[in-house]
Amino acid sequence: MNSSEALNRLMEGNRKYAESGIPCGDISPEKRLKLASCGQEPYAIIISCSDSRVIPEVIFNAGLGDLFVIRVAGNVIDSHQLGSIEYAADHLGSMLIVVLGHTRCGAVDAAIHHEPEGYIKFITDEIVRAIGDEKDPYRAACLNVRQSLAMIESSLSIQEDESRGLRVMGAIYDLETGKVDFLD
C-alpha cells in the first residue's frame, strides 16, 4: 500500500470512528493466527502520546496488524523511537508515518505550566524546546508534533525512504469530537 492509500485508509477509519464511536477493526482469532504465521505488514506507523484516551487502533478503526504504533508521553522523539520507525519502514514496508498529538495533552500542559522533576523532565524539556514561549495548548500541541516531524525527517534512513514514496505527516486528535485533523 502506498502512502496516499494508507492516508485515505486512516482518514476513512477515523471518519467511521468519529461518527459511530464504535471500533470495528478486525481482531478475530483468524486474523491473529494469520499474522502469527505470515508476519505483519502494517500500512502505517503512528507515533502517539501514551495518554489512555488516545488509542490509535480505535481512533483509526484499525485491526490487528494494521498499524505499527509507538507510544510515548507527549509523542516526543528520541533515538529509541527513530529506531522503531526505521524498523517499521525498512523491514515491514510501512509507507506512512504519522505523529499524532492530541488536545488536552497532559505532557504539553506540564511543559507550559509546571516545572516537573524526575524523568518526566526529560519529556517536558523536549516539549519546551519545541513550543518555546507558546501558551495556547492547541498551538503548542501542533508545534510539538512539528518538532517530532522534523526529527523524523532528519533521520538519514527516513530521507532515503522518502525517495521511494515514504510520507511523514503530523496530526492532532480532538478528544471531544473523536476527529483527527492532519496538519499541512
N, C-alpha and C. Protein backbone atom coordinates (compact mmCIF):
# COMPACT_ATOMS: atom_id res chain seq x y z
N MET A 1 0.85 -1.18 0.00
CA MET A 1 0.00 0.00 0.00
C MET A 1 0.90 1.24 0.00
N ASN A 2 0.62 2.18 -0.89
CA ASN A 2 1.44 3.39 -0.92
C ASN A 2 0.94 4.38 0.15
N SER A 3 1.68 5.48 0.31
CA SER A 3 1.36 6.42 1.39
C SER A 3 0.00 7.10 1.21
N SER A 4 -0.39 7.39 -0.02
CA SER A 4 -1.70 8.02 -0.26
C SER A 4 -2.83 7.07 0.10
N GLU A 5 -2.70 5.81 -0.28
CA GLU A 5 -3.72 4.81 0.07
C GLU A 5 -3.79 4.63 1.59
N ALA A 6 -2.62 4.62 2.24
CA ALA A 6 -2.58 4.47 3.69
C ALA A 6 -3.26 5.66 4.37
N LEU A 7 -2.98 6.87 3.89
CA LEU A 7 -3.60 8.07 4.46
C LEU A 7 -5.12 8.02 4.27
N ASN A 8 -5.57 7.65 3.09
CA ASN A 8 -7.02 7.54 2.85
C ASN A 8 -7.66 6.52 3.78
N ARG A 9 -6.97 5.42 4.03
CA ARG A 9 -7.50 4.39 4.92
C ARG A 9 -7.60 4.92 6.35
N LEU A 10 -6.57 5.67 6.81
CA LEU A 10 -6.63 6.27 8.14
C LEU A 10 -7.78 7.27 8.24
N MET A 11 -7.91 8.11 7.23
CA MET A 11 -8.96 9.14 7.25
C MET A 11 -10.35 8.50 7.25
N GLU A 12 -10.54 7.50 6.45
CA GLU A 12 -11.83 6.81 6.40
C GLU A 12 -12.12 6.09 7.72
N GLY A 13 -11.10 5.45 8.28
CA GLY A 13 -11.28 4.78 9.57
C GLY A 13 -11.63 5.78 10.66
N ASN A 14 -10.98 6.94 10.66
CA ASN A 14 -11.30 7.95 11.66
C ASN A 14 -12.71 8.50 11.47
N ARG A 15 -13.10 8.68 10.22
CA ARG A 15 -14.47 9.16 9.95
C ARG A 15 -15.49 8.19 10.54
N LYS A 16 -15.28 6.90 10.29
CA LYS A 16 -16.21 5.89 10.81
C LYS A 16 -16.24 5.90 12.33
N TYR A 17 -15.06 5.99 12.94
CA TYR A 17 -15.00 6.01 14.40
C TYR A 17 -15.68 7.25 14.97
N ALA A 18 -15.37 8.43 14.40
CA ALA A 18 -15.94 9.68 14.92
C ALA A 18 -17.46 9.71 14.78
N GLU A 19 -17.97 9.10 13.73
CA GLU A 19 -19.42 9.09 13.51
C GLU A 19 -20.13 8.08 14.40
N SER A 20 -19.51 6.91 14.59
CA SER A 20 -20.20 5.86 15.34
C SER A 20 -19.69 5.68 16.76
N GLY A 21 -18.40 5.99 16.97
CA GLY A 21 -17.81 5.76 18.29
C GLY A 21 -17.56 4.30 18.59
N ILE A 22 -17.84 3.45 17.62
CA ILE A 22 -17.68 2.01 17.82
C ILE A 22 -16.57 1.50 16.90
N PRO A 23 -15.47 1.00 17.49
CA PRO A 23 -14.41 0.47 16.64
C PRO A 23 -14.83 -0.85 16.01
N CYS A 24 -14.39 -1.08 14.79
CA CYS A 24 -14.76 -2.35 14.15
C CYS A 24 -13.61 -2.93 13.34
N GLY A 25 -12.36 -2.67 13.75
CA GLY A 25 -11.22 -3.29 13.08
C GLY A 25 -11.22 -4.79 13.33
N ASP A 26 -10.58 -5.52 12.44
CA ASP A 26 -10.55 -6.98 12.53
C ASP A 26 -9.58 -7.42 13.62
N ILE A 27 -10.13 -7.96 14.71
CA ILE A 27 -9.33 -8.52 15.80
C ILE A 27 -9.68 -10.00 16.01
N SER A 28 -10.14 -10.63 14.95
CA SER A 28 -10.63 -12.00 15.03
C SER A 28 -9.50 -13.00 15.29
N PRO A 29 -9.85 -14.17 15.84
CA PRO A 29 -8.85 -15.23 16.01
C PRO A 29 -8.21 -15.63 14.68
N GLU A 30 -8.98 -15.59 13.60
CA GLU A 30 -8.44 -15.95 12.28
C GLU A 30 -7.35 -14.97 11.86
N LYS A 31 -7.60 -13.69 12.07
CA LYS A 31 -6.61 -12.66 11.72
C LYS A 31 -5.37 -12.83 12.59
N ARG A 32 -5.58 -13.08 13.87
CA ARG A 32 -4.46 -13.27 14.80
C ARG A 32 -3.59 -14.43 14.35
N LEU A 33 -4.21 -15.55 13.98
CA LEU A 33 -3.45 -16.72 13.53
C LEU A 33 -2.72 -16.45 12.22
N LYS A 34 -3.37 -15.73 11.31
CA LYS A 34 -2.72 -15.39 10.03
C LYS A 34 -1.48 -14.54 10.28
N LEU A 35 -1.61 -13.54 11.13
CA LEU A 35 -0.48 -12.66 11.43
C LEU A 35 0.64 -13.42 12.15
N ALA A 36 0.26 -14.35 13.01
CA ALA A 36 1.27 -15.13 13.73
C ALA A 36 2.08 -15.99 12.77
N SER A 37 1.43 -16.52 11.76
CA SER A 37 2.14 -17.40 10.83
C SER A 37 2.77 -16.67 9.64
N CYS A 38 2.17 -15.58 9.20
CA CYS A 38 2.64 -14.89 8.00
C CYS A 38 3.42 -13.61 8.29
N GLY A 39 3.38 -13.11 9.51
CA GLY A 39 4.06 -11.87 9.85
C GLY A 39 3.16 -10.66 9.66
N GLN A 40 3.69 -9.52 10.05
CA GLN A 40 2.92 -8.28 10.00
C GLN A 40 3.31 -7.42 8.81
N GLU A 41 2.36 -6.68 8.30
CA GLU A 41 2.58 -5.72 7.23
C GLU A 41 1.73 -4.48 7.51
N PRO A 42 2.05 -3.75 8.58
CA PRO A 42 1.24 -2.57 8.92
C PRO A 42 1.32 -1.52 7.82
N TYR A 43 0.19 -0.92 7.51
CA TYR A 43 0.16 0.07 6.42
C TYR A 43 0.60 1.45 6.89
N ALA A 44 0.65 1.70 8.20
CA ALA A 44 1.08 3.00 8.70
C ALA A 44 1.79 2.85 10.03
N ILE A 45 2.69 3.80 10.29
CA ILE A 45 3.40 3.91 11.56
C ILE A 45 2.81 5.12 12.27
N ILE A 46 2.36 4.92 13.50
CA ILE A 46 1.76 6.01 14.27
C ILE A 46 2.60 6.23 15.52
N ILE A 47 3.10 7.45 15.70
CA ILE A 47 3.79 7.83 16.92
C ILE A 47 2.79 8.66 17.70
N SER A 48 2.37 8.14 18.84
CA SER A 48 1.27 8.72 19.60
C SER A 48 1.66 8.94 21.04
N CYS A 49 0.94 9.82 21.69
CA CYS A 49 1.08 10.03 23.12
C CYS A 49 0.60 8.77 23.85
N SER A 50 1.15 8.55 25.02
CA SER A 50 0.74 7.41 25.85
C SER A 50 -0.59 7.61 26.55
N ASP A 51 -1.18 8.77 26.43
CA ASP A 51 -2.44 9.11 27.08
C ASP A 51 -3.46 7.99 26.88
N SER A 52 -4.09 7.55 27.95
CA SER A 52 -5.02 6.43 27.88
C SER A 52 -6.28 6.73 27.07
N ARG A 53 -6.50 8.01 26.77
CA ARG A 53 -7.67 8.41 25.97
C ARG A 53 -7.37 8.41 24.48
N VAL A 54 -6.12 8.14 24.12
CA VAL A 54 -5.67 8.20 22.73
C VAL A 54 -5.20 6.80 22.33
N ILE A 55 -6.07 6.06 21.66
CA ILE A 55 -5.77 4.68 21.26
C ILE A 55 -5.81 4.64 19.73
N PRO A 56 -4.64 4.71 19.08
CA PRO A 56 -4.63 4.83 17.62
C PRO A 56 -5.43 3.75 16.88
N GLU A 57 -5.35 2.52 17.32
CA GLU A 57 -6.10 1.46 16.63
C GLU A 57 -7.60 1.74 16.66
N VAL A 58 -8.09 2.30 17.74
CA VAL A 58 -9.51 2.62 17.85
C VAL A 58 -9.82 3.88 17.04
N ILE A 59 -9.01 4.92 17.21
CA ILE A 59 -9.23 6.19 16.53
C ILE A 59 -9.29 6.02 15.01
N PHE A 60 -8.46 5.09 14.49
CA PHE A 60 -8.41 4.88 13.04
C PHE A 60 -9.16 3.62 12.61
N ASN A 61 -9.93 3.04 13.54
CA ASN A 61 -10.77 1.89 13.20
C ASN A 61 -9.94 0.77 12.58
N ALA A 62 -8.78 0.51 13.16
CA ALA A 62 -7.85 -0.48 12.62
C ALA A 62 -7.91 -1.78 13.41
N GLY A 63 -7.49 -2.84 12.77
CA GLY A 63 -7.46 -4.14 13.41
C GLY A 63 -6.04 -4.60 13.69
N LEU A 64 -5.94 -5.86 14.07
CA LEU A 64 -4.64 -6.46 14.32
C LEU A 64 -3.76 -6.35 13.08
N GLY A 65 -2.51 -5.95 13.28
CA GLY A 65 -1.54 -5.92 12.19
C GLY A 65 -1.65 -4.74 11.25
N ASP A 66 -2.64 -3.85 11.45
CA ASP A 66 -2.83 -2.72 10.53
C ASP A 66 -1.88 -1.56 10.80
N LEU A 67 -1.61 -1.28 12.08
CA LEU A 67 -0.80 -0.14 12.45
C LEU A 67 0.40 -0.57 13.28
N PHE A 68 1.53 0.09 13.07
CA PHE A 68 2.71 -0.08 13.91
C PHE A 68 2.72 1.14 14.82
N VAL A 69 2.34 0.95 16.08
CA VAL A 69 2.12 2.06 17.00
C VAL A 69 3.27 2.17 18.00
N ILE A 70 3.78 3.39 18.11
CA ILE A 70 4.82 3.72 19.07
C ILE A 70 4.22 4.77 19.99
N ARG A 71 4.15 4.45 21.29
CA ARG A 71 3.52 5.39 22.22
C ARG A 71 4.52 5.85 23.26
N VAL A 72 4.55 7.16 23.46
CA VAL A 72 5.42 7.77 24.47
C VAL A 72 4.75 9.08 24.90
N ALA A 73 4.79 9.37 26.18
CA ALA A 73 4.15 10.59 26.67
C ALA A 73 4.63 11.80 25.87
N GLY A 74 3.68 12.61 25.44
CA GLY A 74 3.99 13.82 24.69
C GLY A 74 4.43 13.57 23.26
N ASN A 75 4.30 12.34 22.78
CA ASN A 75 4.72 11.94 21.43
C ASN A 75 6.05 12.57 21.02
N VAL A 76 7.01 12.56 21.98
CA VAL A 76 8.34 13.08 21.70
C VAL A 76 9.17 12.00 21.01
N ILE A 77 10.22 12.44 20.33
CA ILE A 77 11.05 11.52 19.55
C ILE A 77 12.48 11.53 20.09
N ASP A 78 13.04 10.34 20.27
CA ASP A 78 14.46 10.20 20.54
C ASP A 78 14.97 9.02 19.72
N SER A 79 16.17 8.60 19.99
CA SER A 79 16.76 7.54 19.16
C SER A 79 16.00 6.22 19.27
N HIS A 80 15.34 5.95 20.38
CA HIS A 80 14.56 4.71 20.51
C HIS A 80 13.37 4.72 19.55
N GLN A 81 12.66 5.83 19.52
CA GLN A 81 11.53 5.93 18.61
C GLN A 81 12.01 5.92 17.16
N LEU A 82 13.11 6.62 16.86
CA LEU A 82 13.64 6.61 15.49
C LEU A 82 14.00 5.21 15.05
N GLY A 83 14.60 4.45 15.95
CA GLY A 83 14.94 3.06 15.61
C GLY A 83 13.70 2.23 15.31
N SER A 84 12.65 2.43 16.09
CA SER A 84 11.40 1.71 15.85
C SER A 84 10.75 2.12 14.53
N ILE A 85 10.80 3.42 14.24
CA ILE A 85 10.24 3.93 12.98
C ILE A 85 11.01 3.35 11.79
N GLU A 86 12.33 3.41 11.88
CA GLU A 86 13.15 2.89 10.79
C GLU A 86 12.90 1.39 10.58
N TYR A 87 12.74 0.65 11.67
CA TYR A 87 12.44 -0.78 11.55
C TYR A 87 11.15 -1.00 10.78
N ALA A 88 10.09 -0.30 11.17
CA ALA A 88 8.79 -0.50 10.52
C ALA A 88 8.83 -0.07 9.05
N ALA A 89 9.54 1.00 8.75
CA ALA A 89 9.62 1.46 7.36
C ALA A 89 10.50 0.53 6.53
N ASP A 90 11.67 0.19 7.05
CA ASP A 90 12.63 -0.61 6.28
C ASP A 90 12.26 -2.09 6.19
N HIS A 91 11.83 -2.66 7.30
CA HIS A 91 11.64 -4.12 7.36
C HIS A 91 10.19 -4.57 7.20
N LEU A 92 9.25 -3.69 7.52
CA LEU A 92 7.85 -4.08 7.42
C LEU A 92 7.14 -3.43 6.23
N GLY A 93 7.80 -2.45 5.61
CA GLY A 93 7.26 -1.84 4.39
C GLY A 93 6.21 -0.78 4.60
N SER A 94 6.06 -0.26 5.81
CA SER A 94 5.07 0.79 6.06
C SER A 94 5.50 2.05 5.30
N MET A 95 4.56 2.67 4.59
CA MET A 95 4.89 3.82 3.74
C MET A 95 4.37 5.15 4.27
N LEU A 96 3.72 5.14 5.43
CA LEU A 96 3.19 6.38 6.00
C LEU A 96 3.57 6.44 7.48
N ILE A 97 4.14 7.57 7.89
CA ILE A 97 4.47 7.84 9.29
C ILE A 97 3.63 9.02 9.73
N VAL A 98 2.89 8.84 10.83
CA VAL A 98 2.06 9.92 11.36
C VAL A 98 2.43 10.16 12.82
N VAL A 99 2.80 11.40 13.13
CA VAL A 99 2.97 11.81 14.52
C VAL A 99 1.62 12.35 14.96
N LEU A 100 1.02 11.70 15.95
CA LEU A 100 -0.33 12.02 16.39
C LEU A 100 -0.31 12.68 17.75
N GLY A 101 -0.47 14.00 17.76
CA GLY A 101 -0.66 14.73 19.01
C GLY A 101 -2.14 14.75 19.34
N HIS A 102 -2.49 15.40 20.45
CA HIS A 102 -3.92 15.46 20.80
C HIS A 102 -4.21 16.67 21.66
N THR A 103 -5.48 17.02 21.70
CA THR A 103 -5.93 18.12 22.54
C THR A 103 -5.86 17.70 24.01
N ARG A 104 -5.75 18.68 24.88
CA ARG A 104 -5.73 18.45 26.33
C ARG A 104 -4.61 17.49 26.75
N CYS A 105 -3.45 17.62 26.12
CA CYS A 105 -2.31 16.76 26.41
C CYS A 105 -1.67 17.16 27.74
N GLY A 106 -1.60 16.23 28.66
CA GLY A 106 -1.01 16.50 29.97
C GLY A 106 0.47 16.83 29.89
N ALA A 107 1.20 16.21 28.98
CA ALA A 107 2.63 16.50 28.85
C ALA A 107 2.84 17.92 28.32
N VAL A 108 2.03 18.33 27.36
CA VAL A 108 2.12 19.70 26.85
C VAL A 108 1.74 20.69 27.95
N ASP A 109 0.68 20.39 28.69
CA ASP A 109 0.27 21.25 29.80
C ASP A 109 1.39 21.37 30.83
N ALA A 110 2.03 20.26 31.15
CA ALA A 110 3.14 20.29 32.12
C ALA A 110 4.29 21.15 31.61
N ALA A 111 4.56 21.08 30.31
CA ALA A 111 5.64 21.89 29.73
C ALA A 111 5.29 23.38 29.78
N ILE A 112 4.02 23.72 29.63
CA ILE A 112 3.59 25.12 29.63
C ILE A 112 3.51 25.69 31.05
N HIS A 113 2.93 24.92 31.97
CA HIS A 113 2.54 25.48 33.26
C HIS A 113 3.31 24.97 34.48
N HIS A 114 4.18 24.00 34.34
CA HIS A 114 4.80 23.39 35.52
C HIS A 114 6.30 23.22 35.33
N GLU A 115 6.98 22.89 36.39
CA GLU A 115 8.41 22.58 36.38
C GLU A 115 8.56 21.16 36.93
N PRO A 116 8.28 20.14 36.10
CA PRO A 116 8.36 18.77 36.59
C PRO A 116 9.78 18.38 37.02
N GLU A 117 9.83 17.38 37.86
CA GLU A 117 11.11 16.83 38.30
C GLU A 117 11.19 15.37 37.88
N GLY A 118 12.31 14.77 38.13
CA GLY A 118 12.50 13.36 37.81
C GLY A 118 12.57 13.13 36.32
N TYR A 119 12.23 11.95 35.91
CA TYR A 119 12.33 11.57 34.49
C TYR A 119 11.30 12.28 33.61
N ILE A 120 10.22 12.75 34.20
CA ILE A 120 9.22 13.50 33.43
C ILE A 120 9.87 14.73 32.78
N LYS A 121 10.86 15.29 33.45
CA LYS A 121 11.53 16.48 32.95
C LYS A 121 12.18 16.22 31.58
N PHE A 122 12.64 15.01 31.32
CA PHE A 122 13.21 14.70 30.00
C PHE A 122 12.16 14.93 28.90
N ILE A 123 10.92 14.56 29.19
CA ILE A 123 9.84 14.72 28.22
C ILE A 123 9.45 16.19 28.10
N THR A 124 9.23 16.85 29.23
CA THR A 124 8.79 18.24 29.16
C THR A 124 9.87 19.16 28.60
N ASP A 125 11.14 18.85 28.86
CA ASP A 125 12.22 19.65 28.27
C ASP A 125 12.18 19.57 26.75
N GLU A 126 11.90 18.40 26.19
CA GLU A 126 11.77 18.25 24.74
C GLU A 126 10.61 19.09 24.22
N ILE A 127 9.51 19.05 24.94
CA ILE A 127 8.33 19.80 24.52
C ILE A 127 8.60 21.30 24.60
N VAL A 128 9.25 21.76 25.67
CA VAL A 128 9.59 23.18 25.79
C VAL A 128 10.47 23.62 24.62
N ARG A 129 11.44 22.78 24.23
CA ARG A 129 12.27 23.12 23.06
C ARG A 129 11.41 23.28 21.81
N ALA A 130 10.38 22.48 21.71
CA ALA A 130 9.50 22.52 20.53
C ALA A 130 8.57 23.73 20.54
N ILE A 131 8.05 24.08 21.71
CA ILE A 131 6.99 25.09 21.76
C ILE A 131 7.49 26.48 22.12
N GLY A 132 8.69 26.59 22.68
CA GLY A 132 9.20 27.90 23.07
C GLY A 132 8.29 28.55 24.10
N ASP A 133 7.87 29.77 23.83
CA ASP A 133 7.03 30.52 24.77
C ASP A 133 5.53 30.38 24.50
N GLU A 134 5.16 29.50 23.59
CA GLU A 134 3.74 29.34 23.25
C GLU A 134 2.95 28.90 24.48
N LYS A 135 1.83 29.57 24.73
CA LYS A 135 0.98 29.26 25.89
C LYS A 135 -0.37 28.67 25.50
N ASP A 136 -0.75 28.79 24.23
CA ASP A 136 -2.02 28.21 23.78
C ASP A 136 -1.84 26.70 23.65
N PRO A 137 -2.62 25.90 24.38
CA PRO A 137 -2.42 24.45 24.38
C PRO A 137 -2.53 23.80 23.00
N TYR A 138 -3.47 24.25 22.18
CA TYR A 138 -3.63 23.65 20.85
C TYR A 138 -2.42 23.97 19.97
N ARG A 139 -2.05 25.24 19.92
CA ARG A 139 -0.90 25.62 19.10
C ARG A 139 0.38 24.95 19.61
N ALA A 140 0.50 24.83 20.93
CA ALA A 140 1.66 24.15 21.50
C ALA A 140 1.69 22.68 21.08
N ALA A 141 0.54 22.02 21.10
CA ALA A 141 0.49 20.62 20.67
C ALA A 141 0.91 20.49 19.21
N CYS A 142 0.46 21.43 18.37
CA CYS A 142 0.85 21.42 16.95
C CYS A 142 2.35 21.63 16.78
N LEU A 143 2.92 22.59 17.52
CA LEU A 143 4.36 22.83 17.45
C LEU A 143 5.14 21.61 17.91
N ASN A 144 4.65 20.95 18.93
CA ASN A 144 5.30 19.74 19.42
C ASN A 144 5.29 18.64 18.37
N VAL A 145 4.16 18.48 17.69
CA VAL A 145 4.08 17.50 16.60
C VAL A 145 5.08 17.86 15.50
N ARG A 146 5.13 19.12 15.13
CA ARG A 146 6.04 19.56 14.06
C ARG A 146 7.51 19.33 14.43
N GLN A 147 7.85 19.50 15.71
CA GLN A 147 9.22 19.22 16.15
C GLN A 147 9.53 17.74 15.98
N SER A 148 8.60 16.88 16.34
CA SER A 148 8.81 15.44 16.16
C SER A 148 8.93 15.08 14.68
N LEU A 149 8.13 15.73 13.85
CA LEU A 149 8.24 15.50 12.40
C LEU A 149 9.63 15.87 11.90
N ALA A 150 10.14 17.01 12.35
CA ALA A 150 11.47 17.46 11.91
C ALA A 150 12.54 16.46 12.32
N MET A 151 12.41 15.91 13.52
CA MET A 151 13.40 14.93 13.98
C MET A 151 13.33 13.66 13.14
N ILE A 152 12.13 13.23 12.80
CA ILE A 152 11.98 12.03 11.97
C ILE A 152 12.55 12.29 10.57
N GLU A 153 12.19 13.43 10.01
CA GLU A 153 12.62 13.74 8.65
C GLU A 153 14.12 13.93 8.54
N SER A 154 14.79 14.26 9.64
CA SER A 154 16.24 14.43 9.59
C SER A 154 17.00 13.10 9.67
N SER A 155 16.29 12.04 9.96
CA SER A 155 16.92 10.72 10.02
C SER A 155 17.38 10.30 8.62
N LEU A 156 18.63 9.89 8.51
CA LEU A 156 19.20 9.51 7.22
C LEU A 156 18.39 8.40 6.56
N SER A 157 18.03 7.40 7.31
CA SER A 157 17.28 6.29 6.75
C SER A 157 15.93 6.75 6.21
N ILE A 158 15.25 7.62 6.95
CA ILE A 158 13.95 8.12 6.52
C ILE A 158 14.09 8.94 5.24
N GLN A 159 15.13 9.77 5.16
CA GLN A 159 15.36 10.56 3.94
C GLN A 159 15.51 9.64 2.73
N GLU A 160 16.22 8.55 2.91
CA GLU A 160 16.39 7.59 1.81
C GLU A 160 15.06 6.96 1.44
N ASP A 161 14.24 6.64 2.43
CA ASP A 161 12.95 6.02 2.17
C ASP A 161 11.97 6.98 1.51
N GLU A 162 12.11 8.28 1.78
CA GLU A 162 11.20 9.26 1.17
C GLU A 162 11.32 9.23 -0.35
N SER A 163 12.49 8.90 -0.85
CA SER A 163 12.67 8.84 -2.30
C SER A 163 11.89 7.69 -2.91
N ARG A 164 11.51 6.71 -2.11
CA ARG A 164 10.71 5.59 -2.62
C ARG A 164 9.23 5.70 -2.27
N GLY A 165 8.83 6.89 -1.78
CA GLY A 165 7.41 7.14 -1.55
C GLY A 165 6.96 7.17 -0.11
N LEU A 166 7.88 7.03 0.85
CA LEU A 166 7.52 7.13 2.25
C LEU A 166 7.07 8.56 2.55
N ARG A 167 6.00 8.70 3.31
CA ARG A 167 5.45 10.02 3.64
C ARG A 167 5.43 10.19 5.15
N VAL A 168 5.80 11.39 5.61
CA VAL A 168 5.82 11.72 7.03
C VAL A 168 4.88 12.90 7.24
N MET A 169 3.93 12.76 8.17
CA MET A 169 2.99 13.86 8.41
C MET A 169 2.53 13.89 9.85
N GLY A 170 1.99 15.04 10.23
CA GLY A 170 1.50 15.23 11.58
C GLY A 170 -0.01 15.32 11.63
N ALA A 171 -0.55 15.09 12.82
CA ALA A 171 -1.99 15.14 13.01
C ALA A 171 -2.29 15.45 14.47
N ILE A 172 -3.48 15.97 14.69
CA ILE A 172 -3.96 16.25 16.05
C ILE A 172 -5.32 15.57 16.22
N TYR A 173 -5.44 14.79 17.29
CA TYR A 173 -6.69 14.11 17.64
C TYR A 173 -7.44 14.98 18.64
N ASP A 174 -8.70 15.23 18.39
CA ASP A 174 -9.53 16.01 19.29
C ASP A 174 -10.25 15.05 20.23
N LEU A 175 -9.93 15.13 21.51
CA LEU A 175 -10.52 14.21 22.49
C LEU A 175 -12.03 14.31 22.56
N GLU A 176 -12.57 15.49 22.30
CA GLU A 176 -14.01 15.67 22.43
C GLU A 176 -14.79 15.18 21.21
N THR A 177 -14.30 15.47 20.02
CA THR A 177 -15.04 15.09 18.81
C THR A 177 -14.67 13.72 18.27
N GLY A 178 -13.48 13.24 18.62
CA GLY A 178 -13.00 11.97 18.08
C GLY A 178 -12.38 12.12 16.70
N LYS A 179 -12.30 13.34 16.19
CA LYS A 179 -11.78 13.56 14.83
C LYS A 179 -10.29 13.85 14.85
N VAL A 180 -9.63 13.41 13.79
CA VAL A 180 -8.21 13.67 13.58
C VAL A 180 -8.08 14.70 12.47
N ASP A 181 -7.34 15.76 12.75
CA ASP A 181 -7.03 16.77 11.74
C ASP A 181 -5.57 16.58 11.33
N PHE A 182 -5.34 16.34 10.04
CA PHE A 182 -3.98 16.19 9.53
C PHE A 182 -3.42 17.58 9.26
N LEU A 183 -2.20 17.81 9.71
CA LEU A 183 -1.55 19.11 9.56
C LEU A 183 -0.93 19.24 8.18
N ASP A 184 -0.85 20.48 7.69
CA ASP A 184 -0.22 20.73 6.39
C ASP A 184 1.28 20.56 6.49
